[in-house]
Amino acid sequence: MADATKLALLDNGPIIIEGTFKIYMADGSEVMLEGTKAALCRCGGSSNKPFCDGTHKKIAFTTVVTPSGEVKEGE
């Protein structure tokens, strides 16, 4: 059995996805990437969407994921 795909929401940062996955854009085209790990933008400011380019640090994006899984933005 293959390992499960994992998603991690980082406080003040991107979503990290690890495992076997495919990413599709809104028009249905598949994003080509190598490897089994990617950082996906959550702040909306990346110039390389859907991937994180570190802009969240420059724009002081803040969000916290609580132990219950609730996302609190702007804290």
C-alpha atoms as a PDB file:
ATOM      1  CA  MET A   1       0.000   0.000   0.000  1.00  0.00           C
ATOM      2  CA  ALA A   2       1.339   3.442  -0.935  1.00  0.00           C
ATOM      3  CA  ASP A   3       1.972   6.032   1.738  1.00  0.00           C
ATOM      4  CA  ALA A   4      -0.816   8.535   2.244  1.00  0.00           C
ATOM      5  CA  THR A   5      -0.503  12.019   0.800  1.00  0.00           C
ATOM      6  CA  LYS A   6       0.089  14.535   3.587  1.00  0.00           C
ATOM      7  CA  LEU A   7      -0.906  18.196   3.801  1.00  0.00           C
ATOM      8  CA  ALA A   8       0.473  20.566   6.412  1.00  0.00           C
ATOM      9  CA  LEU A   9      -0.733  24.142   6.890  1.00  0.00           C
ATOM     10  CA  LEU A  10       2.184  26.149   8.228  1.00  0.00           C
ATOM     11  CA  ASP A  11       1.526  29.064  10.566  1.00  0.00           C
ATOM     12  CA  ASN A  12       2.128  32.284   8.605  1.00  0.00           C
ATOM     13  CA  GLY A  13       3.158  30.293   5.549  1.00  0.00           C
ATOM     14  CA  PRO A  14       2.263  27.897   2.773  1.00  0.00           C
ATOM     15  CA  ILE A  15       0.569  24.535   2.562  1.00  0.00           C
ATOM     16  CA  ILE A  16       3.138  21.759   2.268  1.00  0.00           C
ATOM     17  CA  ILE A  17       1.989  18.718   0.333  1.00  0.00           C
ATOM     18  CA  GLU A  18       3.977  15.467   0.363  1.00  0.00           C
ATOM     19  CA  GLY A  19       3.314  12.175  -1.331  1.00  0.00           C
ATOM     20  CA  THR A  20       1.883  11.187  -4.676  1.00  0.00           C
ATOM     21  CA  PHE A  21      -0.351  13.900  -6.093  1.00  0.00           C
ATOM     22  CA  LYS A  22      -1.275  15.899  -9.185  1.00  0.00           C
ATOM     23  CA  ILE A  23      -2.033  19.624  -9.299  1.00  0.00           C
ATOM     24  CA  TYR A  24      -4.507  21.052 -11.802  1.00  0.00           C
ATOM     25  CA  MET A  25      -5.073  24.709 -12.694  1.00  0.00           C
ATOM     26  CA  ALA A  26      -8.577  26.192 -12.988  1.00  0.00           C
ATOM     27  CA  ASP A  27      -8.564  25.567 -16.754  1.00  0.00           C
ATOM     28  CA  GLY A  28      -7.946  21.854 -16.153  1.00  0.00           C
ATOM     29  CA  SER A  29      -4.323  21.848 -17.243  1.00  0.00           C
ATOM     30  CA  GLU A  30      -1.991  19.753 -15.136  1.00  0.00           C
ATOM     31  CA  VAL A  31       0.940  21.485 -13.489  1.00  0.00           C
ATOM     32  CA  MET A  32       4.124  19.592 -14.250  1.00  0.00           C
ATOM     33  CA  LEU A  33       6.438  19.174 -11.306  1.00  0.00           C
ATOM     34  CA  GLU A  34       9.179  16.844 -10.276  1.00  0.00           C
ATOM     35  CA  GLY A  35       9.374  15.115  -6.938  1.00  0.00           C
ATOM     36  CA  THR A  36       6.868  14.323  -4.240  1.00  0.00           C
ATOM     37  CA  LYS A  37       6.793  17.579  -2.260  1.00  0.00           C
ATOM     38  CA  ALA A  38       5.479  21.070  -2.991  1.00  0.00           C
ATOM     39  CA  ALA A  39       4.758  24.313  -1.116  1.00  0.00           C
ATOM     40  CA  LEU A  40       1.460  25.894  -2.180  1.00  0.00           C
ATOM     41  CA  CYS A  41       0.737  29.607  -1.717  1.00  0.00           C
ATOM     42  CA  ARG A  42      -1.867  30.615   0.880  1.00  0.00           C
ATOM     43  CA  CYS A  43      -1.221  34.362   1.040  1.00  0.00           C
ATOM     44  CA  GLY A  44      -2.269  35.066  -2.560  1.00  0.00           C
ATOM     45  CA  GLY A  45       0.851  37.117  -3.253  1.00  0.00           C
ATOM     46  CA  SER A  46       3.103  34.580  -4.961  1.00  0.00           C
ATOM     47  CA  SER A  47       4.274  35.406  -8.460  1.00  0.00           C
ATOM     48  CA  ASN A  48       4.638  31.667  -9.070  1.00  0.00           C
ATOM     49  CA  LYS A  49       1.106  30.474  -8.222  1.00  0.00           C
ATOM     50  CA  PRO A  50       0.044  27.942  -7.232  1.00  0.00           C
ATOM     51  CA  PHE A  51       3.465  27.561  -5.623  1.00  0.00           C
ATOM     52  CA  CYS A  52       4.854  29.569  -2.723  1.00  0.00           C
ATOM     53  CA  ASP A  53       7.715  31.939  -3.551  1.00  0.00           C
ATOM     54  CA  GLY A  54       8.204  33.352  -0.035  1.00  0.00           C
ATOM     55  CA  THR A  55       6.092  36.475  -0.575  1.00  0.00           C
ATOM     56  CA  HIS A  56       4.179  35.728   2.655  1.00  0.00           C
ATOM     57  CA  LYS A  57       7.265  36.884   4.566  1.00  0.00           C
ATOM     58  CA  LYS A  58       7.520  40.163   2.611  1.00  0.00           C
ATOM     59  CA  ILE A  59       3.836  41.062   3.090  1.00  0.00           C
ATOM     60  CA  ALA A  60       3.692  39.930   6.737  1.00  0.00           C
ATOM     61  CA  PHE A  61       0.964  37.344   6.036  1.00  0.00           C
ATOM     62  CA  THR A  62      -0.301  36.007   9.325  1.00  0.00           C
ATOM     63  CA  THR A  63      -2.439  32.992   9.997  1.00  0.00           C
ATOM     64  CA  VAL A  64      -2.422  30.391  12.720  1.00  0.00           C
ATOM     65  CA  VAL A  65      -3.754  26.846  12.603  1.00  0.00           C
ATOM     66  CA  THR A  66      -5.156  25.819  15.989  1.00  0.00           C
ATOM     67  CA  PRO A  67      -4.856  22.277  17.382  1.00  0.00           C
ATOM     68  CA  SER A  68      -8.500  21.706  16.399  1.00  0.00           C
ATOM     69  CA  GLY A  69      -7.658  22.551  12.780  1.00  0.00           C
ATOM     70  CA  GLU A  70      -9.339  25.961  12.776  1.00  0.00           C
ATOM     71  CA  VAL A  71      -7.492  28.565  10.700  1.00  0.00           C
ATOM     72  CA  LYS A  72      -7.320  32.046  12.214  1.00  0.00           C
ATOM     73  CA  GLU A  73      -6.113  34.684   9.803  1.00  0.00           C
ATOM     74  CA  GLY A  74      -4.688  38.055  10.698  1.00  0.00           C
ATOM     75  CA  GLU A  75      -3.707  37.119  14.262  1.00  0.00           C
END
